[in-house]
Amino acid sequence: MNLSVRLFARARDLAGAGVVAVELPLGSTVADLRGKLAVTYPALAPLLGRSALAVDDEFADDGRVLAPGTEIALLPPVSGG
């Protein structure tokens, strides 16, 4: 299945795009998506473990199974004051 992942803040800067496409087999999980993003976009790898992933507007744990057409957003940690 082909998934689109919206990237924000530092993740967008590292990947050089606001949206990236990722191809995963049916039945893949959020953890699988993190792994694929790390391989496809190596600059994102250090950020992925600290970033939240939202699936259909809800934060998702790594065990959540993804479905075709799912809205996905990668939300890196925010810092500042």
N, C-alpha and C. Protein backbone atom coordinates (compact mmCIF):
# COMPACT_ATOMS: atom_id res chain seq x y z
N MET A 1 0.84 -1.17 0.00
CA MET A 1 0.00 0.00 0.00
C MET A 1 0.89 1.23 0.00
N ASN A 2 0.42 2.27 -0.64
CA ASN A 2 1.15 3.52 -0.73
C ASN A 2 0.55 4.50 0.27
N LEU A 3 1.37 5.00 1.18
CA LEU A 3 0.92 5.93 2.21
C LEU A 3 1.60 7.28 2.04
N SER A 4 0.89 8.33 2.35
CA SER A 4 1.45 9.67 2.38
C SER A 4 1.61 10.08 3.84
N VAL A 5 2.78 10.62 4.15
CA VAL A 5 3.06 11.05 5.51
C VAL A 5 3.37 12.55 5.48
N ARG A 6 2.59 13.31 6.23
CA ARG A 6 2.83 14.75 6.34
C ARG A 6 3.90 14.98 7.40
N LEU A 7 4.84 15.84 7.07
CA LEU A 7 5.95 16.14 7.96
C LEU A 7 5.87 17.59 8.42
N PHE A 8 6.24 17.82 9.66
CA PHE A 8 6.17 19.15 10.23
C PHE A 8 7.51 19.53 10.85
N ALA A 9 7.74 20.84 10.96
CA ALA A 9 8.88 21.42 11.67
C ALA A 9 10.20 20.80 11.20
N ARG A 10 11.01 20.33 12.14
CA ARG A 10 12.35 19.81 11.82
C ARG A 10 12.29 18.60 10.89
N ALA A 11 11.28 17.77 11.00
CA ALA A 11 11.15 16.61 10.11
C ALA A 11 11.01 17.06 8.66
N ARG A 12 10.23 18.10 8.43
CA ARG A 12 10.05 18.63 7.08
C ARG A 12 11.39 19.16 6.54
N ASP A 13 12.13 19.86 7.41
CA ASP A 13 13.43 20.39 6.99
C ASP A 13 14.40 19.27 6.63
N LEU A 14 14.45 18.23 7.45
CA LEU A 14 15.39 17.13 7.21
C LEU A 14 15.07 16.33 5.96
N ALA A 15 13.78 16.13 5.69
CA ALA A 15 13.38 15.35 4.51
C ALA A 15 13.35 16.20 3.24
N GLY A 16 13.28 17.52 3.41
CA GLY A 16 13.22 18.40 2.25
C GLY A 16 11.87 18.44 1.58
N ALA A 17 10.83 18.02 2.31
CA ALA A 17 9.47 17.99 1.74
C ALA A 17 8.45 18.02 2.87
N GLY A 18 7.27 18.53 2.57
CA GLY A 18 6.19 18.55 3.54
C GLY A 18 5.38 17.28 3.58
N VAL A 19 5.46 16.51 2.49
CA VAL A 19 4.74 15.23 2.38
C VAL A 19 5.67 14.25 1.68
N VAL A 20 5.77 13.04 2.22
CA VAL A 20 6.55 11.98 1.58
C VAL A 20 5.68 10.76 1.37
N ALA A 21 5.98 10.01 0.33
CA ALA A 21 5.26 8.77 0.03
C ALA A 21 6.09 7.58 0.51
N VAL A 22 5.41 6.61 1.10
CA VAL A 22 6.06 5.40 1.61
C VAL A 22 5.24 4.21 1.15
N GLU A 23 5.92 3.21 0.62
CA GLU A 23 5.27 1.97 0.19
C GLU A 23 5.52 0.89 1.24
N LEU A 24 4.44 0.32 1.77
CA LEU A 24 4.51 -0.74 2.78
C LEU A 24 3.52 -1.85 2.42
N PRO A 25 3.78 -3.07 2.86
CA PRO A 25 2.82 -4.15 2.62
C PRO A 25 1.56 -3.96 3.47
N LEU A 26 0.46 -4.51 3.02
CA LEU A 26 -0.77 -4.49 3.81
C LEU A 26 -0.51 -5.13 5.16
N GLY A 27 -1.13 -4.59 6.19
CA GLY A 27 -0.96 -5.12 7.55
C GLY A 27 0.22 -4.52 8.29
N SER A 28 0.91 -3.56 7.68
CA SER A 28 2.05 -2.93 8.34
C SER A 28 1.60 -2.06 9.50
N THR A 29 2.50 -1.89 10.45
CA THR A 29 2.20 -1.12 11.66
C THR A 29 2.94 0.22 11.64
N VAL A 30 2.64 1.03 12.64
CA VAL A 30 3.35 2.30 12.81
C VAL A 30 4.85 2.04 12.98
N ALA A 31 5.22 0.99 13.69
CA ALA A 31 6.64 0.64 13.85
C ALA A 31 7.27 0.34 12.50
N ASP A 32 6.56 -0.37 11.63
CA ASP A 32 7.06 -0.66 10.29
C ASP A 32 7.27 0.64 9.51
N LEU A 33 6.33 1.56 9.67
CA LEU A 33 6.43 2.85 9.00
C LEU A 33 7.66 3.61 9.49
N ARG A 34 7.89 3.63 10.80
CA ARG A 34 9.09 4.30 11.33
C ARG A 34 10.35 3.71 10.70
N GLY A 35 10.41 2.39 10.62
CA GLY A 35 11.58 1.73 10.04
C GLY A 35 11.77 2.08 8.58
N LYS A 36 10.70 2.09 7.83
CA LYS A 36 10.78 2.42 6.41
C LYS A 36 11.20 3.87 6.21
N LEU A 37 10.66 4.77 7.03
CA LEU A 37 11.06 6.18 6.93
C LEU A 37 12.55 6.34 7.22
N ALA A 38 13.07 5.61 8.21
CA ALA A 38 14.49 5.70 8.56
C ALA A 38 15.38 5.24 7.42
N VAL A 39 14.95 4.22 6.69
CA VAL A 39 15.73 3.70 5.57
C VAL A 39 15.62 4.62 4.36
N THR A 40 14.41 5.07 4.07
CA THR A 40 14.16 5.88 2.89
C THR A 40 14.67 7.31 3.05
N TYR A 41 14.57 7.84 4.25
CA TYR A 41 15.00 9.21 4.55
C TYR A 41 15.95 9.16 5.75
N PRO A 42 17.21 8.77 5.54
CA PRO A 42 18.15 8.57 6.64
C PRO A 42 18.33 9.79 7.55
N ALA A 43 18.16 10.97 7.01
CA ALA A 43 18.30 12.18 7.83
C ALA A 43 17.23 12.24 8.93
N LEU A 44 16.11 11.57 8.72
CA LEU A 44 15.04 11.55 9.71
C LEU A 44 15.29 10.55 10.84
N ALA A 45 16.16 9.58 10.62
CA ALA A 45 16.35 8.47 11.56
C ALA A 45 16.55 8.91 13.01
N PRO A 46 17.43 9.87 13.31
CA PRO A 46 17.62 10.25 14.71
C PRO A 46 16.38 10.87 15.35
N LEU A 47 15.52 11.43 14.55
CA LEU A 47 14.34 12.12 15.04
C LEU A 47 13.15 11.18 15.27
N LEU A 48 13.12 10.06 14.56
CA LEU A 48 11.93 9.20 14.55
C LEU A 48 11.58 8.61 15.91
N GLY A 49 12.55 8.24 16.69
CA GLY A 49 12.28 7.64 18.00
C GLY A 49 11.67 8.61 18.99
N ARG A 50 11.88 9.90 18.76
CA ARG A 50 11.35 10.93 19.67
C ARG A 50 10.11 11.60 19.13
N SER A 51 9.70 11.23 17.94
CA SER A 51 8.55 11.87 17.29
C SER A 51 7.27 11.09 17.51
N ALA A 52 6.18 11.82 17.56
CA ALA A 52 4.85 11.19 17.63
C ALA A 52 4.33 11.00 16.22
N LEU A 53 3.55 9.96 16.04
CA LEU A 53 2.86 9.76 14.77
C LEU A 53 1.36 9.81 15.04
N ALA A 54 0.69 10.61 14.27
CA ALA A 54 -0.76 10.72 14.37
C ALA A 54 -1.36 9.98 13.18
N VAL A 55 -2.33 9.14 13.45
CA VAL A 55 -3.03 8.37 12.42
C VAL A 55 -4.50 8.76 12.50
N ASP A 56 -5.00 9.30 11.40
CA ASP A 56 -6.39 9.78 11.37
C ASP A 56 -6.70 10.69 12.56
N ASP A 57 -5.81 11.66 12.78
CA ASP A 57 -5.98 12.71 13.80
C ASP A 57 -5.90 12.22 15.24
N GLU A 58 -5.33 11.04 15.48
CA GLU A 58 -5.14 10.53 16.84
C GLU A 58 -3.72 10.01 16.98
N PHE A 59 -3.09 10.30 18.12
CA PHE A 59 -1.76 9.75 18.35
C PHE A 59 -1.84 8.23 18.34
N ALA A 60 -0.85 7.61 17.71
CA ALA A 60 -0.87 6.15 17.55
C ALA A 60 0.39 5.53 18.13
N ASP A 61 0.22 4.37 18.79
CA ASP A 61 1.40 3.66 19.27
C ASP A 61 1.96 2.81 18.14
N ASP A 62 3.15 2.26 18.37
CA ASP A 62 3.85 1.54 17.31
C ASP A 62 3.14 0.26 16.86
N GLY A 63 2.22 -0.26 17.65
CA GLY A 63 1.51 -1.48 17.28
C GLY A 63 0.29 -1.26 16.40
N ARG A 64 -0.09 -0.04 16.19
CA ARG A 64 -1.29 0.24 15.40
C ARG A 64 -1.08 -0.18 13.94
N VAL A 65 -2.04 -0.93 13.42
CA VAL A 65 -1.99 -1.38 12.03
C VAL A 65 -2.52 -0.26 11.13
N LEU A 66 -1.80 -0.02 10.06
CA LEU A 66 -2.16 1.03 9.11
C LEU A 66 -3.01 0.47 7.98
N ALA A 67 -3.88 1.30 7.45
CA ALA A 67 -4.74 0.89 6.34
C ALA A 67 -4.54 1.85 5.18
N PRO A 68 -4.79 1.39 3.95
CA PRO A 68 -4.69 2.29 2.80
C PRO A 68 -5.60 3.50 3.00
N GLY A 69 -5.11 4.65 2.59
CA GLY A 69 -5.90 5.87 2.68
C GLY A 69 -5.86 6.54 4.04
N THR A 70 -5.10 5.98 4.97
CA THR A 70 -4.98 6.54 6.30
C THR A 70 -4.24 7.87 6.23
N GLU A 71 -4.70 8.86 7.01
CA GLU A 71 -3.98 10.13 7.12
C GLU A 71 -2.93 9.97 8.20
N ILE A 72 -1.67 10.28 7.86
CA ILE A 72 -0.57 10.10 8.79
C ILE A 72 0.21 11.40 8.88
N ALA A 73 0.58 11.77 10.10
CA ALA A 73 1.40 12.95 10.32
C ALA A 73 2.52 12.60 11.29
N LEU A 74 3.72 13.04 10.95
CA LEU A 74 4.88 12.86 11.82
C LEU A 74 5.12 14.18 12.55
N LEU A 75 5.05 14.13 13.87
CA LEU A 75 5.14 15.34 14.70
C LEU A 75 6.39 15.26 15.57
N PRO A 76 7.44 15.97 15.18
CA PRO A 76 8.67 15.93 15.98
C PRO A 76 8.47 16.67 17.30
N PRO A 77 9.35 16.41 18.28
CA PRO A 77 9.23 17.09 19.56
C PRO A 77 9.41 18.60 19.37
N VAL A 78 8.74 19.35 20.22
CA VAL A 78 8.83 20.80 20.16
C VAL A 78 9.66 21.27 21.34
N SER A 79 10.54 22.22 21.08
CA SER A 79 11.33 22.78 22.16
C SER A 79 11.27 24.30 22.07
N GLY A 80 11.70 24.92 23.08
CA GLY A 80 11.72 26.38 23.10
C GLY A 80 11.03 26.90 24.33
N GLY A 81 10.92 28.19 24.39
CA GLY A 81 10.33 28.74 25.58
C GLY A 81 9.57 30.00 25.33
